[in-house]
Amino acid sequence: MAKLVLDLHDIFNKGDQIEKALRDVIQEAVDKRIDLVEIIPGKGSGQLKKKVLRFLDQKEVKALYHRVDKDSKNFGRLFVHFRFEQSQHKDKRRKR
C-alpha cells in the first residue's frame, strides 16, 4: 500500500503554508491514487490538529477521501484513507 507523509512541524505557525501543504498532499494522493496520507501535526496544544481536522471537514475536501482516523497510540498523528474504485481506473484507460 502506498502512503504519503506530511509533517507540519516546520510550518506549524504559518497558516497559509499549512493549508497549501494540506491541499497539495490531498491532491497528490488523488492524482497518484495513493491509499493513505499520514499527517503529523504534532502533539503541542492540539490547535494545529484541530486546524487540520477543520480543513479535512470542508465539503469539497471531504468529497476526495474515504475516512480519517486518529492514531490511538500517537495523539500527534492522523491518517486520511482514500478508496479508489477499480472500475473507474479501467474506464479512464479505455477513454484515452
PDB file of N, CA and C in Angstrom:
ATOM      1  N   MET A   1       0.839  -1.180   0.000  1.00  0.00           N
ATOM      2  CA  MET A   1       0.000   0.000   0.000  1.00  0.00           C
ATOM      3  C   MET A   1       0.886   1.247   0.000  1.00  0.00           C
ATOM      4  N   ALA A   2       0.617   2.149  -0.903  1.00  0.00           N
ATOM      5  CA  ALA A   2       1.390   3.390  -0.994  1.00  0.00           C
ATOM      6  C   ALA A   2       0.900   4.397   0.042  1.00  0.00           C
ATOM      7  N   LYS A   3       1.832   5.224   0.530  1.00  0.00           N
ATOM      8  CA  LYS A   3       1.493   6.181   1.571  1.00  0.00           C
ATOM      9  C   LYS A   3       2.285   7.468   1.363  1.00  0.00           C
ATOM     10  N   LEU A   4       1.644   8.598   1.638  1.00  0.00           N
ATOM     11  CA  LEU A   4       2.321   9.893   1.662  1.00  0.00           C
ATOM     12  C   LEU A   4       2.361  10.358   3.108  1.00  0.00           C
ATOM     13  N   VAL A   5       3.395  11.102   3.471  1.00  0.00           N
ATOM     14  CA  VAL A   5       3.507  11.632   4.827  1.00  0.00           C
ATOM     15  C   VAL A   5       3.690  13.142   4.740  1.00  0.00           C
ATOM     16  N   LEU A   6       2.892  13.869   5.529  1.00  0.00           N
ATOM     17  CA  LEU A   6       3.026  15.321   5.621  1.00  0.00           C
ATOM     18  C   LEU A   6       3.299  15.667   7.075  1.00  0.00           C
ATOM     19  N   ASP A   7       4.513  16.154   7.334  1.00  0.00           N
ATOM     20  CA  ASP A   7       4.901  16.553   8.686  1.00  0.00           C
ATOM     21  C   ASP A   7       4.797  18.074   8.764  1.00  0.00           C
ATOM     22  N   LEU A   8       3.926  18.565   9.633  1.00  0.00           N
ATOM     23  CA  LEU A   8       3.668  20.004   9.727  1.00  0.00           C
ATOM     24  C   LEU A   8       4.529  20.707  10.781  1.00  0.00           C
ATOM     25  N   HIS A   9       5.475  20.010  11.380  1.00  0.00           N
ATOM     26  CA  HIS A   9       6.303  20.613  12.427  1.00  0.00           C
ATOM     27  C   HIS A   9       7.006  21.892  11.968  1.00  0.00           C
ATOM     28  N   ASP A  10       7.531  21.888  10.757  1.00  0.00           N
ATOM     29  CA  ASP A  10       8.323  23.037  10.284  1.00  0.00           C
ATOM     30  C   ASP A  10       7.479  24.268   9.983  1.00  0.00           C
ATOM     31  N   ILE A  11       6.195  24.087   9.718  1.00  0.00           N
ATOM     32  CA  ILE A  11       5.358  25.230   9.324  1.00  0.00           C
ATOM     33  C   ILE A  11       4.164  25.408  10.266  1.00  0.00           C
ATOM     34  N   PHE A  12       4.273  24.901  11.486  1.00  0.00           N
ATOM     35  CA  PHE A  12       3.141  24.891  12.418  1.00  0.00           C
ATOM     36  C   PHE A  12       2.541  26.272  12.661  1.00  0.00           C
ATOM     37  N   ASN A  13       3.332  27.343  12.511  1.00  0.00           N
ATOM     38  CA  ASN A  13       2.827  28.688  12.805  1.00  0.00           C
ATOM     39  C   ASN A  13       2.610  29.520  11.538  1.00  0.00           C
ATOM     40  N   LYS A  14       2.534  28.872  10.388  1.00  0.00           N
ATOM     41  CA  LYS A  14       2.358  29.583   9.117  1.00  0.00           C
ATOM     42  C   LYS A  14       1.069  29.089   8.460  1.00  0.00           C
ATOM     43  N   GLY A  15      -0.051  29.692   8.857  1.00  0.00           N
ATOM     44  CA  GLY A  15      -1.372  29.239   8.449  1.00  0.00           C
ATOM     45  C   GLY A  15      -1.568  29.043   6.962  1.00  0.00           C
ATOM     46  N   ASP A  16      -1.111  30.000   6.145  1.00  0.00           N
ATOM     47  CA  ASP A  16      -1.309  29.893   4.694  1.00  0.00           C
ATOM     48  C   ASP A  16      -0.514  28.719   4.115  1.00  0.00           C
ATOM     49  N   GLN A  17       0.688  28.489   4.630  1.00  0.00           N
ATOM     50  CA  GLN A  17       1.506  27.369   4.156  1.00  0.00           C
ATOM     51  C   GLN A  17       0.914  26.028   4.577  1.00  0.00           C
ATOM     52  N   ILE A  18       0.306  26.002   5.755  1.00  0.00           N
ATOM     53  CA  ILE A  18      -0.314  24.761   6.243  1.00  0.00           C
ATOM     54  C   ILE A  18      -1.432  24.350   5.297  1.00  0.00           C
ATOM     55  N   GLU A  19      -2.322  25.284   4.979  1.00  0.00           N
ATOM     56  CA  GLU A  19      -3.439  24.948   4.102  1.00  0.00           C
ATOM     57  C   GLU A  19      -2.946  24.522   2.719  1.00  0.00           C
ATOM     58  N   LYS A  20      -1.941  25.212   2.186  1.00  0.00           N
ATOM     59  CA  LYS A  20      -1.401  24.832   0.876  1.00  0.00           C
ATOM     60  C   LYS A  20      -0.794  23.430   0.938  1.00  0.00           C
ATOM     61  N   ALA A  21      -0.034  23.141   1.993  1.00  0.00           N
ATOM     62  CA  ALA A  21       0.586  21.817   2.138  1.00  0.00           C
ATOM     63  C   ALA A  21      -0.484  20.728   2.221  1.00  0.00           C
ATOM     64  N   LEU A  22      -1.564  21.008   2.957  1.00  0.00           N
ATOM     65  CA  LEU A  22      -2.647  20.035   3.076  1.00  0.00           C
ATOM     66  C   LEU A  22      -3.322  19.810   1.720  1.00  0.00           C
ATOM     67  N   ARG A  23      -3.632  20.908   1.032  1.00  0.00           N
ATOM     68  CA  ARG A  23      -4.255  20.783  -0.293  1.00  0.00           C
ATOM     69  C   ARG A  23      -3.363  19.995  -1.249  1.00  0.00           C
ATOM     70  N   ASP A  24      -2.079  20.310  -1.222  1.00  0.00           N
ATOM     71  CA  ASP A  24      -1.130  19.651  -2.135  1.00  0.00           C
ATOM     72  C   ASP A  24      -1.042  18.148  -1.870  1.00  0.00           C
ATOM     73  N   VAL A  25      -0.964  17.747  -0.601  1.00  0.00           N
ATOM     74  CA  VAL A  25      -0.809  16.324  -0.306  1.00  0.00           C
ATOM     75  C   VAL A  25      -2.094  15.554  -0.617  1.00  0.00           C
ATOM     76  N   ILE A  26      -3.243  16.166  -0.371  1.00  0.00           N
ATOM     77  CA  ILE A  26      -4.519  15.508  -0.699  1.00  0.00           C
ATOM     78  C   ILE A  26      -4.632  15.356  -2.217  1.00  0.00           C
ATOM     79  N   GLN A  27      -4.284  16.415  -2.949  1.00  0.00           N
ATOM     80  CA  GLN A  27      -4.360  16.356  -4.413  1.00  0.00           C
ATOM     81  C   GLN A  27      -3.385  15.330  -4.985  1.00  0.00           C
ATOM     82  N   GLU A  28      -2.185  15.272  -4.412  1.00  0.00           N
ATOM     83  CA  GLU A  28      -1.200  14.291  -4.876  1.00  0.00           C
ATOM     84  C   GLU A  28      -1.712  12.864  -4.655  1.00  0.00           C
ATOM     85  N   ALA A  29      -2.343  12.636  -3.504  1.00  0.00           N
ATOM     86  CA  ALA A  29      -2.902  11.306  -3.215  1.00  0.00           C
ATOM     87  C   ALA A  29      -3.973  10.948  -4.236  1.00  0.00           C
ATOM     88  N   VAL A  30      -4.828  11.905  -4.574  1.00  0.00           N
ATOM     89  CA  VAL A  30      -5.883  11.660  -5.560  1.00  0.00           C
ATOM     90  C   VAL A  30      -5.263  11.402  -6.934  1.00  0.00           C
ATOM     91  N   ASP A  31      -4.346  12.273  -7.343  1.00  0.00           N
ATOM     92  CA  ASP A  31      -3.728  12.158  -8.674  1.00  0.00           C
ATOM     93  C   ASP A  31      -2.977  10.842  -8.847  1.00  0.00           C
ATOM     94  N   LYS A  32      -2.277  10.411  -7.808  1.00  0.00           N
ATOM     95  CA  LYS A  32      -1.451   9.203  -7.895  1.00  0.00           C
ATOM     96  C   LYS A  32      -2.161   7.964  -7.352  1.00  0.00           C
ATOM     97  N   ARG A  33      -3.419   8.147  -6.947  1.00  0.00           N
ATOM     98  CA  ARG A  33      -4.242   7.043  -6.425  1.00  0.00           C
ATOM     99  C   ARG A  33      -3.554   6.348  -5.247  1.00  0.00           C
ATOM    100  N   ILE A  34      -3.107   7.168  -4.299  1.00  0.00           N
ATOM    101  CA  ILE A  34      -2.428   6.663  -3.107  1.00  0.00           C
ATOM    102  C   ILE A  34      -3.476   6.427  -2.022  1.00  0.00           C
ATOM    103  N   ASP A  35      -3.387   5.289  -1.351  1.00  0.00           N
ATOM    104  CA  ASP A  35      -4.413   4.856  -0.406  1.00  0.00           C
ATOM    105  C   ASP A  35      -4.412   5.592   0.928  1.00  0.00           C
ATOM    106  N   LEU A  36      -3.258   6.091   1.340  1.00  0.00           N
ATOM    107  CA  LEU A  36      -3.147   6.615   2.702  1.00  0.00           C
ATOM    108  C   LEU A  36      -2.240   7.839   2.757  1.00  0.00           C
ATOM    109  N   VAL A  37      -2.716   8.858   3.478  1.00  0.00           N
ATOM    110  CA  VAL A  37      -1.889  10.024   3.768  1.00  0.00           C
ATOM    111  C   VAL A  37      -1.774  10.116   5.287  1.00  0.00           C
ATOM    112  N   GLU A  38      -0.546  10.164   5.771  1.00  0.00           N
ATOM    113  CA  GLU A  38      -0.288  10.342   7.201  1.00  0.00           C
ATOM    114  C   GLU A  38       0.047  11.812   7.415  1.00  0.00           C
ATOM    115  N   ILE A  39      -0.725  12.469   8.265  1.00  0.00           N
ATOM    116  CA  ILE A  39      -0.489  13.887   8.563  1.00  0.00           C
ATOM    117  C   ILE A  39      -0.022  13.978  10.010  1.00  0.00           C
ATOM    118  N   ILE A  40       1.101  14.665  10.201  1.00  0.00           N
ATOM    119  CA  ILE A  40       1.690  14.786  11.530  1.00  0.00           C
ATOM    120  C   ILE A  40       1.636  16.253  11.966  1.00  0.00           C
ATOM    121  N   PRO A  41       0.568  16.626  12.689  1.00  0.00           N
ATOM    122  CA  PRO A  41       0.519  17.990  13.204  1.00  0.00           C
ATOM    123  C   PRO A  41       1.341  18.127  14.479  1.00  0.00           C
ATOM    124  N   GLY A  42       1.729  17.028  15.077  1.00  0.00           N
ATOM    125  CA  GLY A  42       2.481  17.060  16.323  1.00  0.00           C
ATOM    126  C   GLY A  42       1.530  17.152  17.511  1.00  0.00           C
ATOM    127  N   LYS A  43       2.071  16.991  18.688  1.00  0.00           N
ATOM    128  CA  LYS A  43       1.228  16.961  19.891  1.00  0.00           C
ATOM    129  C   LYS A  43       0.883  18.366  20.343  1.00  0.00           C
ATOM    130  N   GLY A  44       1.839  19.133  20.774  1.00  0.00           N
ATOM    131  CA  GLY A  44       1.603  20.530  21.149  1.00  0.00           C
ATOM    132  C   GLY A  44       0.322  20.759  21.932  1.00  0.00           C
ATOM    133  N   SER A  45      -0.327  21.890  21.648  1.00  0.00           N
ATOM    134  CA  SER A  45      -1.556  22.253  22.365  1.00  0.00           C
ATOM    135  C   SER A  45      -2.791  21.608  21.748  1.00  0.00           C
ATOM    136  N   GLY A  46      -2.629  21.035  20.561  1.00  0.00           N
ATOM    137  CA  GLY A  46      -3.767  20.433  19.879  1.00  0.00           C
ATOM    138  C   GLY A  46      -4.438  21.373  18.899  1.00  0.00           C
ATOM    139  N   GLN A  47      -4.011  22.640  18.873  1.00  0.00           N
ATOM    140  CA  GLN A  47      -4.634  23.616  17.974  1.00  0.00           C
ATOM    141  C   GLN A  47      -4.368  23.295  16.502  1.00  0.00           C
ATOM    142  N   LEU A  48      -3.151  22.871  16.182  1.00  0.00           N
ATOM    143  CA  LEU A  48      -2.825  22.547  14.795  1.00  0.00           C
ATOM    144  C   LEU A  48      -3.621  21.322  14.334  1.00  0.00           C
ATOM    145  N   LYS A  49      -3.761  20.338  15.216  1.00  0.00           N
ATOM    146  CA  LYS A  49      -4.548  19.154  14.873  1.00  0.00           C
ATOM    147  C   LYS A  49      -5.999  19.552  14.598  1.00  0.00           C
ATOM    148  N   LYS A  50      -6.541  20.460  15.412  1.00  0.00           N
ATOM    149  CA  LYS A  50      -7.915  20.941  15.192  1.00  0.00           C
ATOM    150  C   LYS A  50      -8.023  21.654  13.849  1.00  0.00           C
ATOM    151  N   LYS A  51      -7.009  22.440  13.516  1.00  0.00           N
ATOM    152  CA  LYS A  51      -6.998  23.158  12.235  1.00  0.00           C
ATOM    153  C   LYS A  51      -6.996  22.160  11.072  1.00  0.00           C
ATOM    154  N   VAL A  52      -6.184  21.105  11.187  1.00  0.00           N
ATOM    155  CA  VAL A  52      -6.117  20.070  10.142  1.00  0.00           C
ATOM    156  C   VAL A  52      -7.479  19.381  10.011  1.00  0.00           C
ATOM    157  N   LEU A  53      -8.091  19.036  11.134  1.00  0.00           N
ATOM    158  CA  LEU A  53      -9.397  18.374  11.096  1.00  0.00           C
ATOM    159  C   LEU A  53     -10.467  19.284  10.490  1.00  0.00           C
ATOM    160  N   ARG A  54     -10.412  20.579  10.800  1.00  0.00           N
ATOM    161  CA  ARG A  54     -11.369  21.536  10.189  1.00  0.00           C
ATOM    162  C   ARG A  54     -11.151  21.591   8.679  1.00  0.00           C
ATOM    163  N   PHE A  55      -9.891  21.602   8.255  1.00  0.00           N
ATOM    164  CA  PHE A  55      -9.584  21.605   6.822  1.00  0.00           C
ATOM    165  C   PHE A  55     -10.175  20.356   6.160  1.00  0.00           C
ATOM    166  N   LEU A  56      -9.934  19.198   6.770  1.00  0.00           N
ATOM    167  CA  LEU A  56     -10.409  17.935   6.197  1.00  0.00           C
ATOM    168  C   LEU A  56     -11.932  17.838   6.200  1.00  0.00           C
ATOM    169  N   ASP A  57     -12.581  18.613   7.061  1.00  0.00           N
ATOM    170  CA  ASP A  57     -14.034  18.561   7.177  1.00  0.00           C
ATOM    171  C   ASP A  57     -14.746  19.464   6.163  1.00  0.00           C
ATOM    172  N   GLN A  58     -13.996  20.245   5.402  1.00  0.00           N
ATOM    173  CA  GLN A  58     -14.609  21.088   4.381  1.00  0.00           C
ATOM    174  C   GLN A  58     -15.252  20.202   3.314  1.00  0.00           C
ATOM    175  N   LYS A  59     -16.422  20.619   2.870  1.00  0.00           N
ATOM    176  CA  LYS A  59     -17.221  19.793   1.951  1.00  0.00           C
ATOM    177  C   LYS A  59     -16.429  19.347   0.719  1.00  0.00           C
ATOM    178  N   GLU A  60     -15.719  20.278   0.078  1.00  0.00           N
ATOM    179  CA  GLU A  60     -15.010  19.932  -1.167  1.00  0.00           C
ATOM    180  C   GLU A  60     -13.809  19.025  -0.910  1.00  0.00           C
ATOM    181  N   VAL A  61     -13.222  19.125   0.262  1.00  0.00           N
ATOM    182  CA  VAL A  61     -12.088  18.267   0.619  1.00  0.00           C
ATOM    183  C   VAL A  61     -12.603  16.885   1.023  1.00  0.00           C
ATOM    184  N   LYS A  62     -13.667  16.878   1.815  1.00  0.00           N
ATOM    185  CA  LYS A  62     -14.246  15.625   2.313  1.00  0.00           C
ATOM    186  C   LYS A  62     -14.675  14.708   1.160  1.00  0.00           C
ATOM    187  N   ALA A  63     -15.068  15.304   0.054  1.00  0.00           N
ATOM    188  CA  ALA A  63     -15.510  14.525  -1.108  1.00  0.00           C
ATOM    189  C   ALA A  63     -14.361  13.726  -1.735  1.00  0.00           C
ATOM    190  N   LEU A  64     -13.125  14.084  -1.418  1.00  0.00           N
ATOM    191  CA  LEU A  64     -11.968  13.457  -2.056  1.00  0.00           C
ATOM    192  C   LEU A  64     -11.464  12.203  -1.341  1.00  0.00           C
ATOM    193  N   TYR A  65     -11.783  12.072  -0.056  1.00  0.00           N
ATOM    194  CA  TYR A  65     -11.235  10.935   0.692  1.00  0.00           C
ATOM    195  C   TYR A  65     -12.346  10.084   1.299  1.00  0.00           C
ATOM    196  N   HIS A  66     -11.954   8.913   1.792  1.00  0.00           N
ATOM    197  CA  HIS A  66     -12.905   7.954   2.343  1.00  0.00           C
ATOM    198  C   HIS A  66     -13.154   8.186   3.840  1.00  0.00           C
ATOM    199  N   ARG A  67     -12.084   8.256   4.647  1.00  0.00           N
ATOM    200  CA  ARG A  67     -12.256   8.464   6.087  1.00  0.00           C
ATOM    201  C   ARG A  67     -10.957   8.968   6.712  1.00  0.00           C
ATOM    202  N   VAL A  68     -11.096   9.514   7.932  1.00  0.00           N
ATOM    203  CA  VAL A  68      -9.940   9.974   8.711  1.00  0.00           C
ATOM    204  C   VAL A  68      -9.911   9.185  10.006  1.00  0.00           C
ATOM    205  N   ASP A  69      -8.728   8.689  10.366  1.00  0.00           N
ATOM    206  CA  ASP A  69      -8.537   8.006  11.648  1.00  0.00           C
ATOM    207  C   ASP A  69      -7.516   8.780  12.461  1.00  0.00           C
ATOM    208  N   LYS A  70      -7.799   8.912  13.747  1.00  0.00           N
ATOM    209  CA  LYS A  70      -6.803   9.465  14.670  1.00  0.00           C
ATOM    210  C   LYS A  70      -5.996   8.279  15.171  1.00  0.00           C
ATOM    211  N   ASP A  71      -4.705   8.442  15.260  1.00  0.00           N
ATOM    212  CA  ASP A  71      -3.830   7.368  15.751  1.00  0.00           C
ATOM    213  C   ASP A  71      -4.059   7.186  17.246  1.00  0.00           C
ATOM    214  N   SER A  72      -4.510   6.018  17.628  1.00  0.00           N
ATOM    215  CA  SER A  72      -4.812   5.759  19.041  1.00  0.00           C
ATOM    216  C   SER A  72      -3.550   5.725  19.907  1.00  0.00           C
ATOM    217  N   LYS A  73      -2.406   5.464  19.291  1.00  0.00           N
ATOM    218  CA  LYS A  73      -1.153   5.372  20.053  1.00  0.00           C
ATOM    219  C   LYS A  73      -0.352   6.673  20.034  1.00  0.00           C
ATOM    220  N   ASN A  74      -0.690   7.581  19.104  1.00  0.00           N
ATOM    221  CA  ASN A  74       0.071   8.827  18.964  1.00  0.00           C
ATOM    222  C   ASN A  74      -0.894   9.974  18.689  1.00  0.00           C
ATOM    223  N   PHE A  75      -1.141  10.806  19.699  1.00  0.00           N
ATOM    224  CA  PHE A  75      -2.080  11.922  19.602  1.00  0.00           C
ATOM    225  C   PHE A  75      -1.718  12.864  18.451  1.00  0.00           C
ATOM    226  N   GLY A  76      -0.448  12.965  18.110  1.00  0.00           N
ATOM    227  CA  GLY A  76       0.011  13.926  17.118  1.00  0.00           C
ATOM    228  C   GLY A  76       0.034  13.400  15.694  1.00  0.00           C
ATOM    229  N   ARG A  77      -0.828  12.440  15.378  1.00  0.00           N
ATOM    230  CA  ARG A  77      -0.806  11.859  14.030  1.00  0.00           C
ATOM    231  C   ARG A  77      -2.222  11.511  13.576  1.00  0.00           C
ATOM    232  N   LEU A  78      -2.497  11.786  12.299  1.00  0.00           N
ATOM    233  CA  LEU A  78      -3.798  11.471  11.680  1.00  0.00           C
ATOM    234  C   LEU A  78      -3.554  10.665  10.414  1.00  0.00           C
ATOM    235  N   PHE A  79      -4.507   9.811  10.078  1.00  0.00           N
ATOM    236  CA  PHE A  79      -4.434   9.048   8.835  1.00  0.00           C
ATOM    237  C   PHE A  79      -5.652   9.381   7.986  1.00  0.00           C
ATOM    238  N   VAL A  80      -5.417   9.744   6.737  1.00  0.00           N
ATOM    239  CA  VAL A  80      -6.501  10.014   5.801  1.00  0.00           C
ATOM    240  C   VAL A  80      -6.502   8.870   4.792  1.00  0.00           C
ATOM    241  N   HIS A  81      -7.612   8.146   4.744  1.00  0.00           N
ATOM    242  CA  HIS A  81      -7.731   6.974   3.874  1.00  0.00           C
ATOM    243  C   HIS A  81      -8.500   7.333   2.609  1.00  0.00           C
ATOM    244  N   PHE A  82      -8.023   6.823   1.506  1.00  0.00           N
ATOM    245  CA  PHE A  82      -8.670   7.030   0.211  1.00  0.00           C
ATOM    246  C   PHE A  82      -9.148   5.690  -0.319  1.00  0.00           C
ATOM    247  N   ARG A  83     -10.223   5.721  -1.068  1.00  0.00           N
ATOM    248  CA  ARG A  83     -10.726   4.499  -1.695  1.00  0.00           C
ATOM    249  C   ARG A  83     -10.962   4.824  -3.166  1.00  0.00           C
ATOM    250  N   PHE A  84     -10.282   4.114  -4.011  1.00  0.00           N
ATOM    251  CA  PHE A  84     -10.421   4.323  -5.455  1.00  0.00           C
ATOM    252  C   PHE A  84     -11.082   3.099  -6.067  1.00  0.00           C
ATOM    253  N   GLU A  85     -12.125   3.335  -6.808  1.00  0.00           N
ATOM    254  CA  GLU A  85     -12.840   2.235  -7.465  1.00  0.00           C
ATOM    255  C   GLU A  85     -11.995   1.723  -8.625  1.00  0.00           C
ATOM    256  N   GLN A  86     -11.826   0.426  -8.690  1.00  0.00           N
ATOM    257  CA  GLN A  86     -11.053  -0.173  -9.775  1.00  0.00           C
ATOM    258  C   GLN A  86     -11.711   0.089 -11.123  1.00  0.00           C
ATOM    259  N   SER A  87     -13.037   0.046 -11.165  1.00  0.00           N
ATOM    260  CA  SER A  87     -13.743   0.232 -12.439  1.00  0.00           C
ATOM    261  C   SER A  87     -13.498   1.623 -13.010  1.00  0.00           C
ATOM    262  N   GLN A  88     -13.411   2.641 -12.150  1.00  0.00           N
ATOM    263  CA  GLN A  88     -13.138   3.994 -12.628  1.00  0.00           C
ATOM    264  C   GLN A  88     -11.781   4.046 -13.301  1.00  0.00           C
ATOM    265  N   HIS A  89     -10.813   3.378 -12.708  1.00  0.00           N
ATOM    266  CA  HIS A  89      -9.459   3.370 -13.254  1.00  0.00           C
ATOM    267  C   HIS A  89      -9.450   2.735 -14.646  1.00  0.00           C
ATOM    268  N   LYS A  90     -10.142   1.631 -14.802  1.00  0.00           N
ATOM    269  CA  LYS A  90     -10.208   0.946 -16.091  1.00  0.00           C
ATOM    270  C   LYS A  90     -10.920   1.805 -17.127  1.00  0.00           C
ATOM    271  N   ASP A  91     -12.009   2.465 -16.709  1.00  0.00           N
ATOM    272  CA  ASP A  91     -12.760   3.324 -17.632  1.00  0.00           C
ATOM    273  C   ASP A  91     -11.892   4.466 -18.154  1.00  0.00           C
ATOM    274  N   LYS A  92     -11.093   5.058 -17.284  1.00  0.00           N
ATOM    275  CA  LYS A  92     -10.219   6.158 -17.689  1.00  0.00           C
ATOM    276  C   LYS A  92      -9.212   5.687 -18.732  1.00  0.00           C
ATOM    277  N   ARG A  93      -8.714   4.468 -18.552  1.00  0.00           N
ATOM    278  CA  ARG A  93      -7.721   3.947 -19.501  1.00  0.00           C
ATOM    279  C   ARG A  93      -8.357   3.733 -20.872  1.00  0.00           C
ATOM    280  N   ARG A  94      -9.583   3.251 -20.904  1.00  0.00           N
ATOM    281  CA  ARG A  94     -10.256   2.977 -22.182  1.00  0.00           C
ATOM    282  C   ARG A  94     -10.531   4.252 -22.962  1.00  0.00           C
ATOM    283  N   LYS A  95     -10.814   5.354 -22.260  1.00  0.00           N
ATOM    284  CA  LYS A  95     -11.197   6.603 -22.928  1.00  0.00           C
ATOM    285  C   LYS A  95     -10.028   7.273 -23.650  1.00  0.00           C
ATOM    286  N   ARG A  96      -8.825   6.937 -23.293  1.00  0.00           N
ATOM    287  CA  ARG A  96      -7.646   7.610 -23.870  1.00  0.00           C
ATOM    288  C   ARG A  96      -7.399   7.273 -25.304  1.00  0.00           C
TER     289      ARG A  96
END
